[in-house]
Amino acid sequence: MPIGRVSPNHQPWNKGLLVGQKTPLEPKHVWSIRVRLEIALSKRDLAIFNLAIDSKLRACDLVKVRLDDVCSGNNVRHRATITQKKTGRPVQFEITDQTRVSIEAWLPTLRASGSRYLFPSRLHASPHISTRRYSRLVHQWVRSIGLDAAAYGTHSMRRTKAAQIYRKTGNLRAVQLLLGRATYCPRTTG
């Protein structure tokens, strides 16, 4: 099969477009979304948003977080460990004070429903919200502060805290470890 020549005037279809990678949220955007969710008294959404930022979990793992993963009795833990679906490896993360407060505010509503999941679905066929529903929420939050929803997605939530840590430390290896993308291999001396 002959290979056709590419005209020098031909532009790639994706030139100048964000394709594949989603942009992490800037700290000012995180703050703006939190304020809007607090003003709207959207307890569930605020808990999802805060936990997504803290945990750096993929959407498929975040929506399946169980109540007992983050709570001991009536108290929200300071740390949680979740086994990732993709890798099968456990990932531990800190639950910040701000996230604990938002989860505690959501708990009374959650306990009244009797759900084992932190973010239950309203559909009887599913015990927890879907990744698609979570994606719609992320786009709704981003649009609410005037950003282009096409540039952000659920993976933006996962990358936000990692990007903030990288900006502060410049340590790419630490960020890779946080996201579970690399294993710790200490250097050995010859």
Protein backbone atom coordinates (compact mmCIF):
# COMPACT_ATOMS: atom_id res chain seq x y z
CA MET A 1 0.00 0.00 0.00
CA PRO A 2 1.58 3.33 -1.03
CA ILE A 3 2.04 6.00 1.57
CA GLY A 4 0.70 9.39 0.54
CA ARG A 5 2.63 12.57 1.01
CA VAL A 6 1.57 15.09 3.58
CA SER A 7 1.16 18.60 2.31
CA PRO A 8 3.33 21.15 4.17
CA ASN A 9 0.15 23.23 4.67
CA HIS A 10 -1.69 20.34 6.37
CA GLN A 11 -2.38 20.93 10.07
CA PRO A 12 -2.74 18.00 12.50
CA TRP A 13 -6.35 17.65 13.68
CA ASN A 14 -5.30 17.94 17.32
CA LYS A 15 -2.91 20.89 17.07
CA GLY A 16 -3.60 23.27 19.94
CA LEU A 17 -6.19 20.96 21.53
CA LEU A 18 -5.97 19.17 24.85
CA VAL A 19 -6.38 15.54 23.92
CA GLY A 20 -6.14 12.68 26.40
CA GLN A 21 -4.55 14.41 29.37
CA LYS A 22 -6.81 16.43 31.60
CA THR A 23 -5.58 19.56 33.31
CA PRO A 24 -5.19 19.51 37.09
CA LEU A 25 -7.10 22.20 38.96
CA GLU A 26 -5.20 25.23 40.18
CA PRO A 27 -5.36 25.97 43.94
CA LYS A 28 -7.58 29.02 43.28
CA HIS A 29 -10.01 26.79 41.33
CA VAL A 30 -10.10 24.22 44.15
CA TRP A 31 -10.93 27.02 46.58
CA SER A 32 -13.62 28.45 44.27
CA ILE A 33 -15.35 25.09 43.84
CA ARG A 34 -15.25 24.41 47.60
CA VAL A 35 -16.80 27.79 48.36
CA ARG A 36 -19.59 27.25 45.81
CA LEU A 37 -20.38 23.79 47.21
CA GLU A 38 -20.40 25.14 50.79
CA ILE A 39 -22.72 28.01 49.86
CA ALA A 40 -25.04 25.59 48.02
CA LEU A 41 -25.07 23.36 51.14
CA SER A 42 -24.25 20.43 48.88
CA LYS A 43 -22.88 18.08 51.55
CA ARG A 44 -22.47 15.02 49.36
CA ASP A 45 -20.75 16.89 46.53
CA LEU A 46 -18.42 18.68 48.95
CA ALA A 47 -17.49 15.34 50.54
CA ILE A 48 -16.82 13.75 47.11
CA PHE A 49 -14.82 16.77 45.94
CA ASN A 50 -12.65 16.94 49.06
CA LEU A 51 -12.08 13.19 49.20
CA ALA A 52 -11.16 13.11 45.49
CA ILE A 53 -8.50 15.77 46.05
CA ASP A 54 -7.10 14.12 49.20
CA SER A 55 -7.15 10.53 48.04
CA LYS A 56 -5.84 10.93 44.48
CA LEU A 57 -7.96 7.87 43.63
CA ARG A 58 -9.16 6.96 40.16
CA ALA A 59 -12.89 7.49 39.61
CA CYS A 60 -13.59 3.73 39.65
CA ASP A 61 -12.05 3.47 43.13
CA LEU A 62 -13.46 6.72 44.55
CA VAL A 63 -17.11 5.88 43.83
CA LYS A 64 -16.68 2.51 45.60
CA VAL A 65 -15.31 3.89 48.88
CA ARG A 66 -17.20 2.27 51.74
CA LEU A 67 -18.23 3.92 54.94
CA ASP A 68 -15.97 1.66 56.99
CA ASP A 69 -12.98 2.55 54.75
CA VAL A 70 -13.00 6.11 56.11
CA CYS A 71 -14.89 5.82 59.40
CA SER A 72 -14.30 4.09 62.72
CA GLY A 73 -17.68 4.12 64.43
CA ASN A 74 -18.86 7.72 64.40
CA ASN A 75 -15.41 9.20 63.74
CA VAL A 76 -13.78 9.88 60.40
CA ARG A 77 -10.24 8.49 60.30
CA HIS A 78 -7.13 10.58 59.73
CA ARG A 79 -5.81 8.02 57.21
CA ALA A 80 -7.46 5.49 54.93
CA THR A 81 -6.22 2.60 52.83
CA ILE A 82 -7.98 1.54 49.62
CA THR A 83 -6.98 -1.31 47.31
CA GLN A 84 -6.83 0.01 43.74
CA LYS A 85 -8.88 -1.86 41.17
CA LYS A 86 -6.40 -1.30 38.32
CA THR A 87 -3.21 -2.35 40.10
CA GLY A 88 -4.51 -4.45 42.99
CA ARG A 89 -2.14 -2.53 45.27
CA PRO A 90 -3.24 -0.78 48.44
CA VAL A 91 -2.87 2.98 48.53
CA GLN A 92 -2.86 4.91 51.79
CA PHE A 93 -3.77 8.58 52.00
CA GLU A 94 -4.29 11.27 54.59
CA ILE A 95 -7.79 12.62 55.14
CA THR A 96 -7.32 16.32 55.86
CA ASP A 97 -9.31 18.20 58.49
CA GLN A 98 -11.33 19.96 55.79
CA THR A 99 -12.31 16.63 54.22
CA ARG A 100 -13.12 15.06 57.61
CA VAL A 101 -15.47 17.96 58.39
CA SER A 102 -17.25 17.60 55.04
CA ILE A 103 -17.63 13.82 55.46
CA GLU A 104 -18.92 14.29 59.03
CA ALA A 105 -21.53 16.73 57.73
CA TRP A 106 -22.61 14.13 55.11
CA LEU A 107 -22.75 11.19 57.57
CA PRO A 108 -26.21 11.82 59.13
CA THR A 109 -27.87 11.75 55.70
CA LEU A 110 -25.84 8.73 54.71
CA ARG A 111 -26.62 6.75 57.87
CA ALA A 112 -30.33 7.42 57.45
CA SER A 113 -30.15 5.68 54.07
CA GLY A 114 -28.44 2.62 55.55
CA SER A 115 -25.86 2.45 52.75
CA ARG A 116 -22.48 0.76 53.19
CA TYR A 117 -21.02 3.04 50.52
CA LEU A 118 -19.95 6.62 51.17
CA PHE A 119 -21.61 7.82 47.96
CA PRO A 120 -24.72 5.68 47.39
CA SER A 121 -26.72 5.67 44.19
CA ARG A 122 -30.37 6.65 44.12
CA LEU A 123 -30.94 3.77 41.70
CA HIS A 124 -31.82 0.48 43.36
CA ALA A 125 -29.80 -1.51 40.82
CA SER A 126 -26.51 0.10 41.90
CA PRO A 127 -25.16 0.37 45.45
CA HIS A 128 -22.94 3.41 44.69
CA ILE A 129 -22.86 6.29 42.21
CA SER A 130 -21.43 5.45 38.81
CA THR A 131 -18.20 6.79 37.41
CA ARG A 132 -20.32 8.49 34.74
CA ARG A 133 -22.32 10.33 37.41
CA TYR A 134 -19.07 11.37 39.11
CA SER A 135 -17.78 12.63 35.75
CA ARG A 136 -20.92 14.72 35.28
CA LEU A 137 -20.44 16.20 38.76
CA VAL A 138 -16.83 17.17 37.97
CA HIS A 139 -17.94 18.90 34.76
CA GLN A 140 -20.73 20.68 36.65
CA TRP A 141 -18.29 21.93 39.32
CA VAL A 142 -15.80 23.16 36.72
CA ARG A 143 -18.49 24.96 34.70
CA SER A 144 -19.83 26.58 37.89
CA ILE A 145 -16.59 28.56 38.25
CA GLY A 146 -16.44 29.53 34.58
CA LEU A 147 -13.88 27.02 33.28
CA ASP A 148 -14.13 24.97 30.10
CA ALA A 149 -15.43 21.55 31.17
CA ALA A 150 -13.78 19.89 28.15
CA ALA A 151 -10.33 20.60 29.64
CA TYR A 152 -11.12 18.91 32.96
CA GLY A 153 -12.36 15.51 34.02
CA THR A 154 -12.22 12.94 36.79
CA HIS A 155 -8.51 12.45 36.17
CA SER A 156 -8.02 16.17 36.84
CA MET A 157 -9.19 15.51 40.39
CA ARG A 158 -6.63 12.70 40.76
CA ARG A 159 -3.79 14.88 39.44
CA THR A 160 -4.61 18.08 41.36
CA LYS A 161 -2.90 17.34 44.67
CA ALA A 162 0.02 15.64 42.92
CA ALA A 163 0.54 18.74 40.76
CA GLN A 164 0.44 20.97 43.86
CA ILE A 165 3.03 18.78 45.61
CA TYR A 166 5.27 18.80 42.54
CA ARG A 167 5.07 22.61 42.31
CA LYS A 168 6.13 22.91 45.97
CA THR A 169 8.86 20.24 46.02
CA GLY A 170 9.98 19.68 42.44
CA ASN A 171 10.28 15.98 43.35
CA LEU A 172 8.79 13.94 40.50
CA ARG A 173 9.69 10.61 42.13
CA ALA A 174 7.64 11.46 45.24
CA VAL A 175 4.64 12.36 43.06
CA GLN A 176 4.97 9.08 41.13
CA LEU A 177 5.00 7.17 44.42
CA LEU A 178 1.93 9.08 45.62
CA LEU A 179 -0.01 8.11 42.50
CA GLY A 180 1.18 4.50 42.66
CA ARG A 181 2.88 4.80 39.27
CA ALA A 182 6.31 3.77 40.47
CA THR A 183 7.75 1.52 43.10
CA TYR A 184 10.41 2.60 45.53
CA CYS A 185 13.83 1.38 44.39
CA PRO A 186 16.60 2.74 46.59
CA ARG A 187 19.92 3.21 44.85
CA THR A 188 22.53 0.68 45.68
CA THR A 189 26.16 1.63 45.78
CA GLY A 190 28.55 -0.50 43.76
